[in-house]
Every structure is written in structure tokens, then in C-alpha cells.
């Protein structure tokens, strides 16, 4: 019998996957929990652009136009997070954006490995 448990189910980071038109096509369990007040799993099939008020909506549209990675930190409800928004591809063609929202501590070590 196949195991239906996916490695993202218990990852302590929220993962949101959209297609090239900004339609949400996947949310892991943490993302569903994070966006519960906005609909949780029911967000699948909706537009990511509709989930953002201005000026974030315009920045999100630009992210799809540029098809380039975007990284930043936020603080929300006392928790700091690193946001990674990265394009994904199918057969070399832009297929959408994957967003990882990773909780980070207030003090984060930095190492130069060069």
C-alpha cells in the first residue's frame, strides 16, 4: 500500500505553489494552517493576486512579469520569517512561483564559507 504522507506535510515552513497565471495549485499543511482565516485549502484554484492588497498586489504581479526570485524577511504575530519566492519551470518554460515562508529566530548566525 502506498504511503499518502508527503514530506511537506510536517515541514515547519509554509509552501505555496502557483501556476504561470498566478492560480494557487498547491499548499502544504503549514500553508493551509497559515492561511486558514483566508480560506485555507479552499484557496487552491484561486488567484494569488486576489490574496494581496495594494501595494503587495502590484509587487506580486511584477514578480510574475520578471520571473525572477524575490527574498525578504517579515515579522508577523511576533514571529520573524524569511520569504523565498522562486520561479519554477516545466521543460525549461516558466510554470509559476513557489513561495517558502520559513520561521527564523530573532538572532540568526551568519557564516562566510568562502
N, C-alpha and C. Protein backbone atom coordinates (compact mmCIF):
# COMPACT_ATOMS: atom_id res chain seq x y z
N UNK A 1 0.85 -1.19 0.00
CA UNK A 1 0.00 0.00 0.00
C UNK A 1 0.89 1.24 0.00
N UNK A 2 0.60 2.19 -0.85
CA UNK A 2 1.40 3.41 -0.96
C UNK A 2 1.15 4.31 0.23
N UNK A 3 2.20 4.97 0.67
CA UNK A 3 2.10 5.92 1.78
C UNK A 3 1.65 7.26 1.23
N UNK A 4 0.52 7.76 1.71
CA UNK A 4 0.00 9.03 1.21
C UNK A 4 0.64 10.22 1.93
N UNK A 5 1.46 9.96 2.92
CA UNK A 5 2.14 11.02 3.67
C UNK A 5 3.23 11.62 2.79
N UNK A 6 3.21 12.92 2.62
CA UNK A 6 4.22 13.59 1.81
C UNK A 6 5.18 14.32 2.73
N UNK A 7 6.43 14.44 2.33
CA UNK A 7 7.44 15.06 3.19
C UNK A 7 7.11 16.49 3.55
N UNK A 8 6.30 17.18 2.74
CA UNK A 8 5.95 18.57 3.06
C UNK A 8 4.86 18.67 4.13
N UNK A 9 4.19 17.55 4.44
CA UNK A 9 3.08 17.59 5.39
C UNK A 9 3.48 18.11 6.76
N UNK A 10 4.69 17.79 7.21
CA UNK A 10 5.11 18.20 8.55
C UNK A 10 6.30 19.15 8.54
N UNK A 11 6.64 19.67 7.36
CA UNK A 11 7.71 20.65 7.26
C UNK A 11 7.27 21.91 7.98
N UNK A 12 8.14 22.46 8.79
CA UNK A 12 7.79 23.66 9.55
C UNK A 12 8.01 24.94 8.74
N UNK A 13 7.58 24.91 7.52
CA UNK A 13 7.60 26.06 6.62
C UNK A 13 6.35 25.97 5.75
N UNK A 14 5.78 27.12 5.43
CA UNK A 14 4.61 27.16 4.56
C UNK A 14 5.06 27.18 3.11
N UNK A 15 4.47 26.31 2.30
CA UNK A 15 4.80 26.24 0.87
C UNK A 15 3.52 26.52 0.08
N UNK A 16 3.60 27.52 -0.78
CA UNK A 16 2.51 27.86 -1.68
C UNK A 16 3.03 27.74 -3.10
N UNK A 17 2.31 27.02 -3.96
CA UNK A 17 2.73 26.83 -5.34
C UNK A 17 1.64 27.40 -6.24
N UNK A 18 2.07 28.21 -7.22
CA UNK A 18 1.14 28.77 -8.19
C UNK A 18 1.57 28.40 -9.60
N UNK A 19 0.63 28.51 -10.53
CA UNK A 19 0.97 28.29 -11.93
C UNK A 19 1.41 29.61 -12.56
N UNK A 20 1.66 29.60 -13.85
CA UNK A 20 2.20 30.77 -14.53
C UNK A 20 1.22 31.94 -14.61
N UNK A 21 -0.05 31.70 -14.33
CA UNK A 21 -1.05 32.77 -14.33
C UNK A 21 -1.39 33.24 -12.92
N UNK A 22 -0.72 32.68 -11.91
CA UNK A 22 -0.95 33.10 -10.54
C UNK A 22 -2.04 32.33 -9.82
N UNK A 23 -2.51 31.24 -10.41
CA UNK A 23 -3.53 30.42 -9.75
C UNK A 23 -2.83 29.51 -8.74
N UNK A 24 -3.33 29.48 -7.52
CA UNK A 24 -2.77 28.63 -6.48
C UNK A 24 -3.09 27.18 -6.82
N UNK A 25 -2.04 26.37 -6.98
CA UNK A 25 -2.24 24.96 -7.35
C UNK A 25 -1.81 24.01 -6.24
N UNK A 26 -1.18 24.54 -5.20
CA UNK A 26 -0.77 23.68 -4.10
C UNK A 26 -0.43 24.45 -2.85
N UNK A 27 -0.80 23.87 -1.71
CA UNK A 27 -0.48 24.39 -0.39
C UNK A 27 -0.10 23.20 0.48
N UNK A 28 0.98 23.31 1.23
CA UNK A 28 1.26 22.25 2.19
C UNK A 28 0.45 22.51 3.46
N UNK A 29 0.52 21.59 4.41
CA UNK A 29 -0.29 21.68 5.63
C UNK A 29 -0.03 22.98 6.39
N UNK A 30 1.24 23.41 6.46
CA UNK A 30 1.57 24.65 7.19
C UNK A 30 0.98 25.86 6.49
N UNK A 31 0.97 25.88 5.17
CA UNK A 31 0.37 26.99 4.43
C UNK A 31 -1.14 27.01 4.63
N UNK A 32 -1.75 25.85 4.62
CA UNK A 32 -3.20 25.76 4.87
C UNK A 32 -3.53 26.32 6.25
N UNK A 33 -2.71 25.97 7.23
CA UNK A 33 -2.89 26.48 8.60
C UNK A 33 -2.65 27.99 8.64
N UNK A 34 -1.59 28.44 8.00
CA UNK A 34 -1.24 29.86 8.00
C UNK A 34 -2.35 30.71 7.39
N UNK A 35 -2.96 30.21 6.32
CA UNK A 35 -3.98 30.97 5.61
C UNK A 35 -5.40 30.51 5.94
N UNK A 36 -5.58 29.86 7.09
CA UNK A 36 -6.90 29.35 7.49
C UNK A 36 -7.96 30.44 7.51
N UNK A 37 -7.63 31.61 8.04
CA UNK A 37 -8.61 32.70 8.13
C UNK A 37 -9.00 33.22 6.75
N UNK A 38 -8.18 32.96 5.75
CA UNK A 38 -8.46 33.42 4.40
C UNK A 38 -9.08 32.33 3.53
N UNK A 39 -9.28 31.14 4.09
CA UNK A 39 -9.90 30.05 3.35
C UNK A 39 -9.13 28.75 3.39
N UNK A 40 -7.85 28.80 3.82
CA UNK A 40 -7.06 27.56 3.92
C UNK A 40 -7.02 26.82 2.60
N UNK A 41 -7.31 25.53 2.63
CA UNK A 41 -7.24 24.68 1.43
C UNK A 41 -8.18 25.16 0.33
N UNK A 42 -9.24 25.88 0.68
CA UNK A 42 -10.17 26.39 -0.33
C UNK A 42 -9.52 27.45 -1.23
N UNK A 43 -8.33 27.93 -0.86
CA UNK A 43 -7.61 28.88 -1.70
C UNK A 43 -7.07 28.23 -2.97
N UNK A 44 -6.92 26.91 -2.95
CA UNK A 44 -6.44 26.22 -4.14
C UNK A 44 -7.45 26.44 -5.26
N UNK A 45 -6.95 26.91 -6.39
CA UNK A 45 -7.80 27.26 -7.53
C UNK A 45 -8.09 28.75 -7.62
N UNK A 46 -7.74 29.52 -6.59
CA UNK A 46 -7.97 30.95 -6.63
C UNK A 46 -6.71 31.69 -7.07
N UNK A 47 -6.86 32.96 -7.36
CA UNK A 47 -5.75 33.78 -7.83
C UNK A 47 -4.94 34.31 -6.65
N UNK A 48 -3.63 34.13 -6.71
CA UNK A 48 -2.76 34.67 -5.67
C UNK A 48 -2.81 36.19 -5.66
N UNK A 49 -3.12 36.80 -6.79
CA UNK A 49 -3.19 38.25 -6.87
C UNK A 49 -4.34 38.79 -6.02
N UNK A 50 -5.43 38.03 -5.95
CA UNK A 50 -6.58 38.45 -5.16
C UNK A 50 -6.33 38.34 -3.65
N UNK A 51 -5.27 37.66 -3.28
CA UNK A 51 -4.94 37.47 -1.86
C UNK A 51 -4.11 38.61 -1.29
N UNK A 52 -3.71 39.56 -2.14
CA UNK A 52 -2.82 40.63 -1.72
C UNK A 52 -3.46 42.00 -1.92
N UNK A 53 -3.48 42.82 -0.87
CA UNK A 53 -3.92 44.21 -1.04
C UNK A 53 -2.78 45.02 -1.67
N UNK A 54 -3.08 46.19 -2.17
CA UNK A 54 -2.03 47.08 -2.68
C UNK A 54 -1.19 47.59 -1.52
N UNK A 55 0.09 47.81 -1.68
CA UNK A 55 0.87 47.70 -2.91
C UNK A 55 1.44 46.30 -3.15
N UNK A 56 1.16 45.35 -2.24
CA UNK A 56 1.69 44.00 -2.40
C UNK A 56 1.17 43.33 -3.67
N UNK A 57 -0.05 43.64 -4.06
CA UNK A 57 -0.61 43.03 -5.28
C UNK A 57 0.23 43.42 -6.50
N UNK A 58 0.55 44.70 -6.62
CA UNK A 58 1.36 45.16 -7.75
C UNK A 58 2.73 44.51 -7.73
N UNK A 59 3.36 44.38 -6.56
CA UNK A 59 4.66 43.72 -6.46
C UNK A 59 4.56 42.26 -6.87
N UNK A 60 3.45 41.61 -6.53
CA UNK A 60 3.25 40.21 -6.89
C UNK A 60 3.10 40.06 -8.40
N UNK A 61 2.32 40.94 -9.02
CA UNK A 61 2.18 40.92 -10.49
C UNK A 61 3.55 41.10 -11.14
N UNK A 62 4.36 42.03 -10.62
CA UNK A 62 5.70 42.27 -11.17
C UNK A 62 6.59 41.03 -11.02
N UNK A 63 6.42 40.29 -9.95
CA UNK A 63 7.18 39.06 -9.74
C UNK A 63 6.94 38.07 -10.88
N UNK A 64 5.70 37.95 -11.30
CA UNK A 64 5.35 37.05 -12.41
C UNK A 64 5.86 37.59 -13.74
N UNK A 65 5.84 38.91 -13.90
CA UNK A 65 6.36 39.51 -15.13
C UNK A 65 7.86 39.32 -15.24
N UNK A 66 8.59 39.52 -14.13
CA UNK A 66 10.05 39.40 -14.13
C UNK A 66 10.52 37.95 -14.14
N UNK A 67 9.73 37.07 -13.53
CA UNK A 67 10.08 35.65 -13.43
C UNK A 67 11.46 35.47 -12.81
N UNK A 68 11.72 36.25 -11.76
CA UNK A 68 12.99 36.21 -11.05
C UNK A 68 12.72 35.94 -9.57
N UNK A 69 13.67 35.37 -8.85
CA UNK A 69 13.49 35.14 -7.42
C UNK A 69 13.34 36.45 -6.64
N UNK A 70 12.67 36.36 -5.52
CA UNK A 70 12.47 37.50 -4.62
C UNK A 70 12.59 36.97 -3.20
N UNK A 71 13.38 37.66 -2.37
CA UNK A 71 13.61 37.20 -0.99
C UNK A 71 13.52 38.38 -0.04
N UNK A 72 12.89 38.16 1.10
CA UNK A 72 12.78 39.21 2.11
C UNK A 72 12.39 38.59 3.44
N UNK A 73 12.45 39.40 4.50
CA UNK A 73 12.00 38.94 5.81
C UNK A 73 10.79 39.75 6.24
N UNK A 74 9.97 39.13 7.09
CA UNK A 74 8.81 39.81 7.66
C UNK A 74 8.74 39.46 9.15
N UNK A 75 7.95 40.21 9.87
CA UNK A 75 7.59 39.87 11.24
C UNK A 75 6.07 39.92 11.31
N UNK A 76 5.46 38.84 11.80
CA UNK A 76 4.01 38.76 11.86
C UNK A 76 3.63 37.98 13.11
N UNK A 77 2.77 38.57 13.93
CA UNK A 77 2.32 37.93 15.17
C UNK A 77 3.51 37.51 16.05
N UNK A 78 4.54 38.35 16.10
CA UNK A 78 5.70 38.07 16.94
C UNK A 78 6.68 37.06 16.38
N UNK A 79 6.45 36.58 15.17
CA UNK A 79 7.33 35.58 14.56
C UNK A 79 8.00 36.20 13.33
N UNK A 80 9.32 36.10 13.29
CA UNK A 80 10.06 36.53 12.10
C UNK A 80 10.07 35.39 11.09
N UNK A 81 10.00 35.76 9.81
CA UNK A 81 10.01 34.75 8.75
C UNK A 81 10.85 35.23 7.58
N UNK A 82 11.50 34.29 6.93
CA UNK A 82 12.20 34.54 5.68
C UNK A 82 11.28 34.07 4.57
N UNK A 83 11.01 34.93 3.61
CA UNK A 83 10.14 34.59 2.49
C UNK A 83 11.03 34.42 1.26
N UNK A 84 10.90 33.27 0.62
CA UNK A 84 11.61 32.99 -0.64
C UNK A 84 10.54 32.75 -1.70
N UNK A 85 10.53 33.57 -2.72
CA UNK A 85 9.62 33.40 -3.84
C UNK A 85 10.48 33.10 -5.06
N UNK A 86 10.32 31.90 -5.61
CA UNK A 86 11.20 31.45 -6.68
C UNK A 86 10.40 30.88 -7.84
N UNK A 87 10.79 31.23 -9.06
CA UNK A 87 10.11 30.65 -10.21
C UNK A 87 10.40 29.16 -10.32
N UNK A 88 9.43 28.41 -10.82
CA UNK A 88 9.67 27.01 -11.15
C UNK A 88 9.35 26.83 -12.63
N UNK A 89 9.91 25.77 -13.19
CA UNK A 89 9.84 25.59 -14.64
C UNK A 89 9.38 24.18 -14.99
N UNK A 90 8.74 24.06 -16.14
CA UNK A 90 8.38 22.77 -16.71
C UNK A 90 8.98 22.74 -18.11
N UNK A 91 9.90 21.81 -18.33
CA UNK A 91 10.59 21.69 -19.62
C UNK A 91 11.22 23.02 -20.04
N UNK A 92 11.80 23.74 -19.06
CA UNK A 92 12.50 24.99 -19.34
C UNK A 92 11.62 26.20 -19.51
N UNK A 93 10.30 26.04 -19.37
CA UNK A 93 9.36 27.14 -19.56
C UNK A 93 8.80 27.53 -18.19
N UNK A 94 8.74 28.85 -17.92
CA UNK A 94 8.19 29.35 -16.67
C UNK A 94 6.83 28.73 -16.40
N UNK A 95 6.67 28.12 -15.21
CA UNK A 95 5.43 27.43 -14.88
C UNK A 95 4.73 28.04 -13.67
N UNK A 96 5.39 28.98 -12.97
CA UNK A 96 4.77 29.60 -11.82
C UNK A 96 5.80 29.99 -10.78
N UNK A 97 5.28 30.22 -9.57
CA UNK A 97 6.12 30.65 -8.45
C UNK A 97 5.88 29.71 -7.27
N UNK A 98 6.97 29.35 -6.60
CA UNK A 98 6.90 28.64 -5.32
C UNK A 98 7.30 29.62 -4.24
N UNK A 99 6.47 29.76 -3.22
CA UNK A 99 6.82 30.61 -2.08
C UNK A 99 7.05 29.74 -0.86
N UNK A 100 8.21 29.93 -0.24
CA UNK A 100 8.53 29.28 1.03
C UNK A 100 8.53 30.35 2.10
N UNK A 101 7.79 30.12 3.15
CA UNK A 101 7.76 31.02 4.30
C UNK A 101 8.35 30.25 5.47
N UNK A 102 9.58 30.62 5.85
CA UNK A 102 10.35 29.85 6.84
C UNK A 102 10.52 30.67 8.12
N UNK A 103 10.02 30.17 9.25
CA UNK A 103 10.23 30.87 10.51
C UNK A 103 11.73 30.94 10.84
N UNK A 104 12.16 32.10 11.33
CA UNK A 104 13.56 32.27 11.72
C UNK A 104 13.62 32.88 13.11
N UNK A 105 14.70 32.60 13.86
CA UNK A 105 14.83 33.19 15.19
C UNK A 105 15.21 34.68 15.09
N UNK A 106 15.07 35.39 16.21
CA UNK A 106 15.43 36.81 16.23
C UNK A 106 16.91 37.01 15.93
N UNK A 107 17.74 36.14 16.45
CA UNK A 107 19.18 36.19 16.19
C UNK A 107 19.52 35.03 15.27
N UNK A 108 20.08 35.36 14.13
CA UNK A 108 20.38 34.34 13.13
C UNK A 108 21.88 34.37 12.84
N UNK A 109 22.60 33.27 13.12
CA UNK A 109 24.03 33.26 12.83
C UNK A 109 24.29 33.38 11.33
N UNK A 110 25.43 33.95 11.01
CA UNK A 110 25.85 34.06 9.61
C UNK A 110 27.27 33.51 9.52
N UNK A 111 27.51 32.69 8.51
CA UNK A 111 28.83 32.09 8.31
C UNK A 111 29.30 32.40 6.90
N UNK A 112 30.53 32.89 6.78
CA UNK A 112 31.16 33.06 5.47
C UNK A 112 31.95 31.79 5.20
N UNK A 113 31.63 31.12 4.12
CA UNK A 113 32.27 29.83 3.81
C UNK A 113 33.25 29.93 2.66
N UNK A 114 33.56 31.16 2.24
CA UNK A 114 34.45 31.32 1.10
C UNK A 114 35.83 31.47 1.55
